[in-house]
């Protein structure tokens, strides 16, 4: 299966669907929940730039390096975020899950766990990936803790890896899950999804 053919992934808490231009208004509303673009260590578009960000992601899809998805909350049907397979290396069967954001009301809920479970299942069981990578800012503690809860391991820190829009320099934490780990990571995520939440 092609790495850039968008899947429709349906769960109990979330539906992932191919990103489309008509998602712009709903995603512009979603990003206002928490004013996510104001977090200095992330690159999340403000509402007025959402259409431009969707165009950027769709262009990368046309180029073969990204598979962008819209995140829809179930059962409300509301758009609540975006995620992607990015830095696609189909030859080496390697992808990164990233450029992800959720409305604040969906953070630290089963939605993220189910979203990652579906993406990882697609990567390892449909695309036959050998590794899936996650990257985040060194100072994005919430993101790092979330990635570690998935079962990903820290590969290392790329120091002064990127210049942020603010002009600050980003140290990037690189995590991965490799194919031999998936048979253990998958039941761990299923257990996390099934357990009662406080």
Protein backbone atom coordinates (compact mmCIF):
# COMPACT_ATOMS: atom_id res chain seq x y z
CA UNK A 1 0.00 0.00 0.00
CA UNK A 2 1.21 3.52 -0.80
CA UNK A 3 2.42 5.59 2.11
CA UNK A 4 0.51 8.62 0.84
CA UNK A 5 -2.91 6.99 0.29
CA UNK A 6 -5.01 8.45 3.12
CA UNK A 7 -6.68 5.84 5.32
CA UNK A 8 -9.98 6.46 7.10
CA UNK A 9 -9.33 5.24 10.65
CA UNK A 10 -12.34 4.90 12.92
CA UNK A 11 -12.31 4.29 16.67
CA UNK A 12 -14.64 4.75 19.61
CA UNK A 13 -13.27 8.16 20.60
CA UNK A 14 -11.79 9.49 17.37
CA UNK A 15 -12.00 9.34 13.60
CA UNK A 16 -8.99 10.21 11.44
CA UNK A 17 -9.89 11.34 7.96
CA UNK A 18 -7.93 12.72 5.00
CA UNK A 19 -7.24 16.43 5.52
CA UNK A 20 -9.29 18.62 3.16
CA UNK A 21 -9.51 22.35 2.48
CA UNK A 22 -13.08 22.41 3.79
CA UNK A 23 -11.78 21.44 7.24
CA UNK A 24 -10.28 24.93 7.67
CA UNK A 25 -13.19 26.59 9.49
CA UNK A 26 -13.69 23.73 11.95
CA UNK A 27 -9.98 23.47 12.71
CA UNK A 28 -9.72 27.26 13.14
CA UNK A 29 -12.40 26.95 15.84
CA UNK A 30 -10.69 23.96 17.45
CA UNK A 31 -7.31 25.67 17.79
CA UNK A 32 -8.93 28.49 19.79
CA UNK A 33 -9.60 26.01 22.62
CA UNK A 34 -6.45 26.65 24.64
CA UNK A 35 -5.06 29.27 22.24
CA UNK A 36 -2.54 26.64 21.24
CA UNK A 37 -0.59 28.88 18.85
CA UNK A 38 0.63 30.91 21.85
CA UNK A 39 2.79 28.07 23.20
CA UNK A 40 6.28 29.34 22.42
CA UNK A 41 7.80 25.87 21.98
CA UNK A 42 5.32 24.66 19.33
CA UNK A 43 4.50 25.60 15.73
CA UNK A 44 0.70 25.46 15.77
CA UNK A 45 -1.12 27.79 13.35
CA UNK A 46 -3.37 30.55 14.68
CA UNK A 47 -6.98 30.49 13.43
CA UNK A 48 -6.35 33.03 10.66
CA UNK A 49 -3.52 30.88 9.22
CA UNK A 50 -5.35 27.53 9.27
CA UNK A 51 -6.20 27.50 5.55
CA UNK A 52 -2.55 28.28 4.71
CA UNK A 53 -1.36 25.46 6.99
CA UNK A 54 -3.75 23.02 5.33
CA UNK A 55 -2.39 24.05 1.91
CA UNK A 56 1.18 23.53 3.17
CA UNK A 57 0.36 20.02 4.37
CA UNK A 58 -1.50 19.10 1.19
CA UNK A 59 1.49 20.28 -0.90
CA UNK A 60 3.79 18.03 1.14
CA UNK A 61 1.35 15.19 0.49
CA UNK A 62 1.55 15.90 -3.26
CA UNK A 63 5.34 15.79 -2.93
CA UNK A 64 5.14 12.37 -1.24
CA UNK A 65 6.64 13.36 2.12
CA UNK A 66 3.51 13.76 4.28
CA UNK A 67 0.11 12.15 4.84
CA UNK A 68 -2.02 14.78 6.66
CA UNK A 69 -5.14 13.83 8.61
CA UNK A 70 -7.91 15.72 10.37
CA UNK A 71 -8.86 14.54 13.87
CA UNK A 72 -12.60 14.31 14.53
CA UNK A 73 -14.00 13.63 18.01
CA UNK A 74 -16.50 10.79 18.31
CA UNK A 75 -19.40 10.80 18.95
CA UNK A 76 -19.76 14.62 18.76
CA UNK A 77 -18.39 14.76 15.21
CA UNK A 78 -16.42 17.95 15.98
CA UNK A 79 -13.06 18.62 14.38
CA UNK A 80 -10.53 18.84 17.23
CA UNK A 81 -7.07 18.72 15.67
CA UNK A 82 -4.61 17.54 13.06
CA UNK A 83 -1.95 14.86 12.82
CA UNK A 84 0.32 13.45 10.09
CA UNK A 85 2.61 10.75 8.91
CA UNK A 86 5.56 12.95 7.94
CA UNK A 87 9.16 12.67 6.74
CA UNK A 88 7.95 9.58 4.86
CA UNK A 89 10.76 7.30 3.72
CA UNK A 90 8.86 4.61 1.81
CA UNK A 91 12.03 2.93 0.52
CA UNK A 92 13.23 2.26 4.06
CA UNK A 93 9.67 1.82 5.43
CA UNK A 94 10.11 4.55 8.02
CA UNK A 95 7.73 7.36 9.05
CA UNK A 96 7.39 10.00 11.72
CA UNK A 97 4.09 10.71 13.45
CA UNK A 98 4.05 14.42 14.12
CA UNK A 99 2.75 17.93 13.46
CA UNK A 100 -0.03 16.88 15.85
CA UNK A 101 -2.21 19.16 17.92
CA UNK A 102 -5.54 18.76 19.73
CA UNK A 103 -7.98 21.25 21.22
CA UNK A 104 -7.27 21.58 24.93
CA UNK A 105 -10.50 19.79 25.92
CA UNK A 106 -9.19 16.65 24.16
CA UNK A 107 -5.72 16.63 25.67
CA UNK A 108 -5.00 13.93 28.27
CA UNK A 109 -8.12 12.02 27.22
CA UNK A 110 -8.54 8.59 25.56
CA UNK A 111 -8.67 10.41 22.20
CA UNK A 112 -4.87 10.73 21.95
CA UNK A 113 -4.22 7.14 23.02
CA UNK A 114 -6.70 5.80 20.47
CA UNK A 115 -5.36 8.14 17.78
CA UNK A 116 -1.81 6.87 18.29
CA UNK A 117 -2.97 3.24 18.49
CA UNK A 118 -4.70 3.55 15.12
CA UNK A 119 -1.76 5.37 13.49
CA UNK A 120 0.79 2.90 14.82
CA UNK A 121 -1.35 -0.08 13.80
CA UNK A 122 -1.60 1.34 10.28
CA UNK A 123 2.15 2.00 10.18
CA UNK A 124 3.28 -1.41 11.40
CA UNK A 125 0.50 -3.69 10.16
CA UNK A 126 -0.57 -2.08 6.86
CA UNK A 127 2.53 -0.16 5.73
CA UNK A 128 4.94 -2.73 7.24
CA UNK A 129 7.15 -0.04 8.75
CA UNK A 130 10.41 -0.98 10.43
CA UNK A 131 10.30 2.07 12.71
CA UNK A 132 8.01 4.95 13.65
CA UNK A 133 9.57 8.14 14.97
CA UNK A 134 8.27 10.97 17.16
CA UNK A 135 9.98 14.34 17.61
CA UNK A 136 9.27 17.17 20.00
CA UNK A 137 10.82 20.27 21.56
CA UNK A 138 13.02 19.59 24.59
CA UNK A 139 10.89 22.03 26.62
CA UNK A 140 7.57 20.47 25.57
CA UNK A 141 7.34 18.35 28.70
CA UNK A 142 3.67 17.43 28.13
CA UNK A 143 4.45 16.10 24.66
CA UNK A 144 7.52 14.20 25.86
CA UNK A 145 5.58 12.53 28.67
CA UNK A 146 2.80 11.61 26.23
CA UNK A 147 5.28 10.04 23.79
CA UNK A 148 6.96 8.10 26.60
CA UNK A 149 3.55 6.81 27.80
CA UNK A 150 3.07 5.29 24.35
CA UNK A 151 6.12 3.10 24.92
CA UNK A 152 8.48 5.00 22.60
CA UNK A 153 12.15 5.15 23.61
CA UNK A 154 14.38 8.22 23.48
CA UNK A 155 16.93 7.88 20.69
CA UNK A 156 18.65 11.15 21.53
CA UNK A 157 18.51 14.94 21.49
CA UNK A 158 19.41 16.97 18.39
CA UNK A 159 20.84 20.15 19.88
CA UNK A 160 20.19 23.46 18.08
CA UNK A 161 18.25 21.45 15.54
CA UNK A 162 15.84 24.16 14.32
CA UNK A 163 15.21 27.85 14.51
CA UNK A 164 11.71 28.55 15.83
CA UNK A 165 9.48 31.36 14.48
CA UNK A 166 10.32 33.31 17.67
CA UNK A 167 14.02 33.16 16.79
CA UNK A 168 14.83 30.71 19.62
CA UNK A 169 16.78 27.55 18.85
CA UNK A 170 15.03 24.22 19.34
CA UNK A 171 16.68 21.17 20.85
CA UNK A 172 14.68 18.26 19.39
CA UNK A 173 14.03 15.06 21.36
CA UNK A 174 13.84 12.09 18.99
CA UNK A 175 11.89 9.00 20.05
CA UNK A 176 11.01 5.81 18.20
CA UNK A 177 9.14 2.54 18.33
CA UNK A 178 10.71 -0.19 16.21
CA UNK A 179 8.91 -3.12 14.62
CA UNK A 180 10.10 -5.80 17.11
CA UNK A 181 8.65 -3.67 19.96
CA UNK A 182 5.20 -3.35 18.39
CA UNK A 183 3.83 -6.71 19.69
CA UNK A 184 4.42 -5.41 23.23
CA UNK A 185 3.54 -1.75 22.65
CA UNK A 186 0.17 -2.58 21.05
CA UNK A 187 -1.36 -4.44 24.04
CA UNK A 188 0.05 -1.76 26.33
CA UNK A 189 -1.87 0.92 24.37
CA UNK A 190 -5.00 -1.24 24.27
CA UNK A 191 -4.76 -1.66 28.06
CA UNK A 192 -4.29 2.11 28.55
CA UNK A 193 -7.33 2.74 26.37
CA UNK A 194 -9.50 0.24 28.27
CA UNK A 195 -8.56 1.19 31.83
CA UNK A 196 -10.82 3.54 33.81
CA UNK A 197 -9.73 7.19 33.87
CA UNK A 198 -9.93 9.50 36.88
